[in-house]
Amino acid sequence: MKKFAVLVFALFIVITFASNSVAAKKTGTGKKALDETVELTGTILKIDAASGKVSIKGTDGQTKEVLVPSQLGIDLSQYKVGDAVTATEVIDATTGNTTLKSFIRRR
């Protein structure tokens, strides 16, 4: 009976972590920290192409500014205020730093 309880508990842990939409990242200690992936869907309110900053009003009504790094190869001059976009960011579990992974115009 004890083995069954341990097996059920282990299965619960596996299912719980498998269902989360986060990516595992290996840290220097050999332990895994969990990064969080956040998707922001909304409308562009402001674009500062020189700095790479874009303000997006999300579908929840909140405004968030994202930094579009040049490494993504996204030409912000092709976007305009009012465009519907989806931005995907990853928040590093160790440092708390946010990195934009994708910036896509929705039609």
C-alpha atoms as a PDB file:
ATOM      1  CA  MET A   1       0.000   0.000   0.000  1.00  0.00           C
ATOM      2  CA  LYS A   2       2.898   2.346   0.787  1.00  0.00           C
ATOM      3  CA  LYS A   3       4.432   1.747  -2.660  1.00  0.00           C
ATOM      4  CA  PHE A   4       1.086   2.565  -4.261  1.00  0.00           C
ATOM      5  CA  ALA A   5       0.881   5.870  -2.353  1.00  0.00           C
ATOM      6  CA  VAL A   6       4.423   6.790  -3.422  1.00  0.00           C
ATOM      7  CA  LEU A   7       3.606   5.890  -7.034  1.00  0.00           C
ATOM      8  CA  VAL A   8       0.427   8.018  -6.987  1.00  0.00           C
ATOM      9  CA  PHE A   9       2.351  10.952  -5.487  1.00  0.00           C
ATOM     10  CA  ALA A  10       5.116  10.658  -8.104  1.00  0.00           C
ATOM     11  CA  LEU A  11       2.543  10.515 -10.893  1.00  0.00           C
ATOM     12  CA  PHE A  12       0.846  13.621  -9.485  1.00  0.00           C
ATOM     13  CA  ILE A  13       4.162  15.519  -9.504  1.00  0.00           C
ATOM     14  CA  VAL A  14       4.925  14.472 -13.093  1.00  0.00           C
ATOM     15  CA  ILE A  15       1.474  15.507 -14.337  1.00  0.00           C
ATOM     16  CA  THR A  16       1.632  18.830 -12.481  1.00  0.00           C
ATOM     17  CA  PHE A  17       4.979  19.837 -13.995  1.00  0.00           C
ATOM     18  CA  ALA A  18       4.155  18.481 -17.457  1.00  0.00           C
ATOM     19  CA  SER A  19       0.998  20.595 -17.646  1.00  0.00           C
ATOM     20  CA  ASN A  20       2.749  23.891 -16.851  1.00  0.00           C
ATOM     21  CA  SER A  21       3.669  26.023 -19.872  1.00  0.00           C
ATOM     22  CA  VAL A  22       7.133  26.888 -18.613  1.00  0.00           C
ATOM     23  CA  ALA A  23      10.561  25.979 -19.909  1.00  0.00           C
ATOM     24  CA  ALA A  24      13.148  24.315 -17.685  1.00  0.00           C
ATOM     25  CA  LYS A  25      16.527  25.997 -17.488  1.00  0.00           C
ATOM     26  CA  LYS A  26      19.587  24.458 -15.924  1.00  0.00           C
ATOM     27  CA  THR A  27      21.364  26.688 -13.422  1.00  0.00           C
ATOM     28  CA  GLY A  28      25.000  26.557 -12.344  1.00  0.00           C
ATOM     29  CA  THR A  29      24.098  24.582  -9.203  1.00  0.00           C
ATOM     30  CA  GLY A  30      22.859  21.597 -11.197  1.00  0.00           C
ATOM     31  CA  LYS A  31      19.293  22.240 -10.042  1.00  0.00           C
ATOM     32  CA  LYS A  32      16.582  23.265 -12.474  1.00  0.00           C
ATOM     33  CA  ALA A  33      14.884  26.618 -12.180  1.00  0.00           C
ATOM     34  CA  LEU A  34      11.660  27.266 -14.027  1.00  0.00           C
ATOM     35  CA  ASP A  35      11.486  30.176 -16.448  1.00  0.00           C
ATOM     36  CA  GLU A  36       8.048  31.603 -17.141  1.00  0.00           C
ATOM     37  CA  THR A  37       6.747  32.181 -20.655  1.00  0.00           C
ATOM     38  CA  VAL A  38       4.241  35.027 -20.953  1.00  0.00           C
ATOM     39  CA  GLU A  39       2.206  35.832 -24.051  1.00  0.00           C
ATOM     40  CA  LEU A  40       0.827  39.355 -24.469  1.00  0.00           C
ATOM     41  CA  THR A  41      -1.834  39.903 -27.111  1.00  0.00           C
ATOM     42  CA  GLY A  42      -3.071  43.401 -27.799  1.00  0.00           C
ATOM     43  CA  THR A  43      -2.849  46.591 -29.846  1.00  0.00           C
ATOM     44  CA  ILE A  44       0.197  48.803 -30.409  1.00  0.00           C
ATOM     45  CA  LEU A  45      -0.205  52.191 -28.714  1.00  0.00           C
ATOM     46  CA  LYS A  46       3.281  53.627 -29.316  1.00  0.00           C
ATOM     47  CA  ILE A  47       6.446  52.680 -31.191  1.00  0.00           C
ATOM     48  CA  ASP A  48       9.922  54.059 -30.520  1.00  0.00           C
ATOM     49  CA  ALA A  49      11.921  52.438 -33.326  1.00  0.00           C
ATOM     50  CA  ALA A  50      15.184  54.075 -32.224  1.00  0.00           C
ATOM     51  CA  SER A  51      15.123  52.397 -28.807  1.00  0.00           C
ATOM     52  CA  GLY A  52      13.167  49.323 -29.922  1.00  0.00           C
ATOM     53  CA  LYS A  53      10.417  49.953 -27.364  1.00  0.00           C
ATOM     54  CA  VAL A  54       6.786  49.210 -28.182  1.00  0.00           C
ATOM     55  CA  SER A  55       3.819  49.960 -25.903  1.00  0.00           C
ATOM     56  CA  ILE A  56       1.024  47.402 -26.179  1.00  0.00           C
ATOM     57  CA  LYS A  57      -2.451  47.628 -24.693  1.00  0.00           C
ATOM     58  CA  GLY A  58      -3.397  44.065 -23.818  1.00  0.00           C
ATOM     59  CA  THR A  59      -6.800  42.489 -24.195  1.00  0.00           C
ATOM     60  CA  ASP A  60      -7.106  42.833 -20.396  1.00  0.00           C
ATOM     61  CA  GLY A  61      -6.850  46.639 -20.748  1.00  0.00           C
ATOM     62  CA  GLN A  62      -3.383  46.918 -19.186  1.00  0.00           C
ATOM     63  CA  THR A  63      -0.517  48.599 -21.019  1.00  0.00           C
ATOM     64  CA  LYS A  64       2.946  47.011 -21.156  1.00  0.00           C
ATOM     65  CA  GLU A  65       6.119  48.239 -22.785  1.00  0.00           C
ATOM     66  CA  VAL A  66       8.255  45.590 -24.471  1.00  0.00           C
ATOM     67  CA  LEU A  67      11.776  45.894 -25.799  1.00  0.00           C
ATOM     68  CA  VAL A  68      12.170  44.384 -29.272  1.00  0.00           C
ATOM     69  CA  PRO A  69      15.867  43.456 -29.523  1.00  0.00           C
ATOM     70  CA  SER A  70      17.595  43.877 -32.860  1.00  0.00           C
ATOM     71  CA  GLN A  71      18.689  40.211 -32.696  1.00  0.00           C
ATOM     72  CA  LEU A  72      15.108  39.186 -33.529  1.00  0.00           C
ATOM     73  CA  GLY A  73      15.460  40.896 -36.913  1.00  0.00           C
ATOM     74  CA  ILE A  74      12.091  42.641 -36.614  1.00  0.00           C
ATOM     75  CA  ASP A  75      11.734  45.847 -38.633  1.00  0.00           C
ATOM     76  CA  LEU A  76       9.577  48.079 -36.434  1.00  0.00           C
ATOM     77  CA  SER A  77       9.072  50.508 -39.342  1.00  0.00           C
ATOM     78  CA  GLN A  78       6.733  47.847 -40.785  1.00  0.00           C
ATOM     79  CA  TYR A  79       4.405  48.233 -37.767  1.00  0.00           C
ATOM     80  CA  LYS A  80       2.078  51.104 -36.923  1.00  0.00           C
ATOM     81  CA  VAL A  81      -0.054  52.277 -34.020  1.00  0.00           C
ATOM     82  CA  GLY A  82      -3.261  50.253 -33.965  1.00  0.00           C
ATOM     83  CA  ASP A  83      -1.718  47.020 -35.281  1.00  0.00           C
ATOM     84  CA  ALA A  84      -2.801  43.883 -33.421  1.00  0.00           C
ATOM     85  CA  VAL A  85       0.227  41.926 -32.182  1.00  0.00           C
ATOM     86  CA  THR A  86       1.246  39.042 -29.962  1.00  0.00           C
ATOM     87  CA  ALA A  87       4.505  39.307 -28.018  1.00  0.00           C
ATOM     88  CA  THR A  88       6.006  36.293 -26.245  1.00  0.00           C
ATOM     89  CA  GLU A  89       8.411  36.980 -23.394  1.00  0.00           C
ATOM     90  CA  VAL A  90      10.459  34.670 -21.196  1.00  0.00           C
ATOM     91  CA  ILE A  91      11.084  35.694 -17.588  1.00  0.00           C
ATOM     92  CA  ASP A  92      14.319  34.214 -16.243  1.00  0.00           C
ATOM     93  CA  ALA A  93      13.557  32.449 -12.943  1.00  0.00           C
ATOM     94  CA  THR A  94      17.048  33.130 -11.605  1.00  0.00           C
ATOM     95  CA  THR A  95      17.491  36.806 -12.460  1.00  0.00           C
ATOM     96  CA  GLY A  96      13.942  38.017 -13.148  1.00  0.00           C
ATOM     97  CA  ASN A  97      15.115  39.492 -16.473  1.00  0.00           C
ATOM     98  CA  THR A  98      12.619  39.521 -19.313  1.00  0.00           C
ATOM     99  CA  THR A  99      13.590  38.581 -22.876  1.00  0.00           C
ATOM    100  CA  LEU A 100      11.313  38.962 -25.893  1.00  0.00           C
ATOM    101  CA  LYS A 101      11.234  35.741 -27.925  1.00  0.00           C
ATOM    102  CA  SER A 102       8.698  36.625 -30.621  1.00  0.00           C
ATOM    103  CA  PHE A 103       6.726  39.622 -31.887  1.00  0.00           C
ATOM    104  CA  ILE A 104       4.040  38.748 -34.404  1.00  0.00           C
ATOM    105  CA  ARG A 105       1.439  40.871 -36.187  1.00  0.00           C
ATOM    106  CA  ARG A 106      -2.044  39.357 -36.037  1.00  0.00           C
ATOM    107  CA  ARG A 107      -4.364  39.819 -38.974  1.00  0.00           C
END
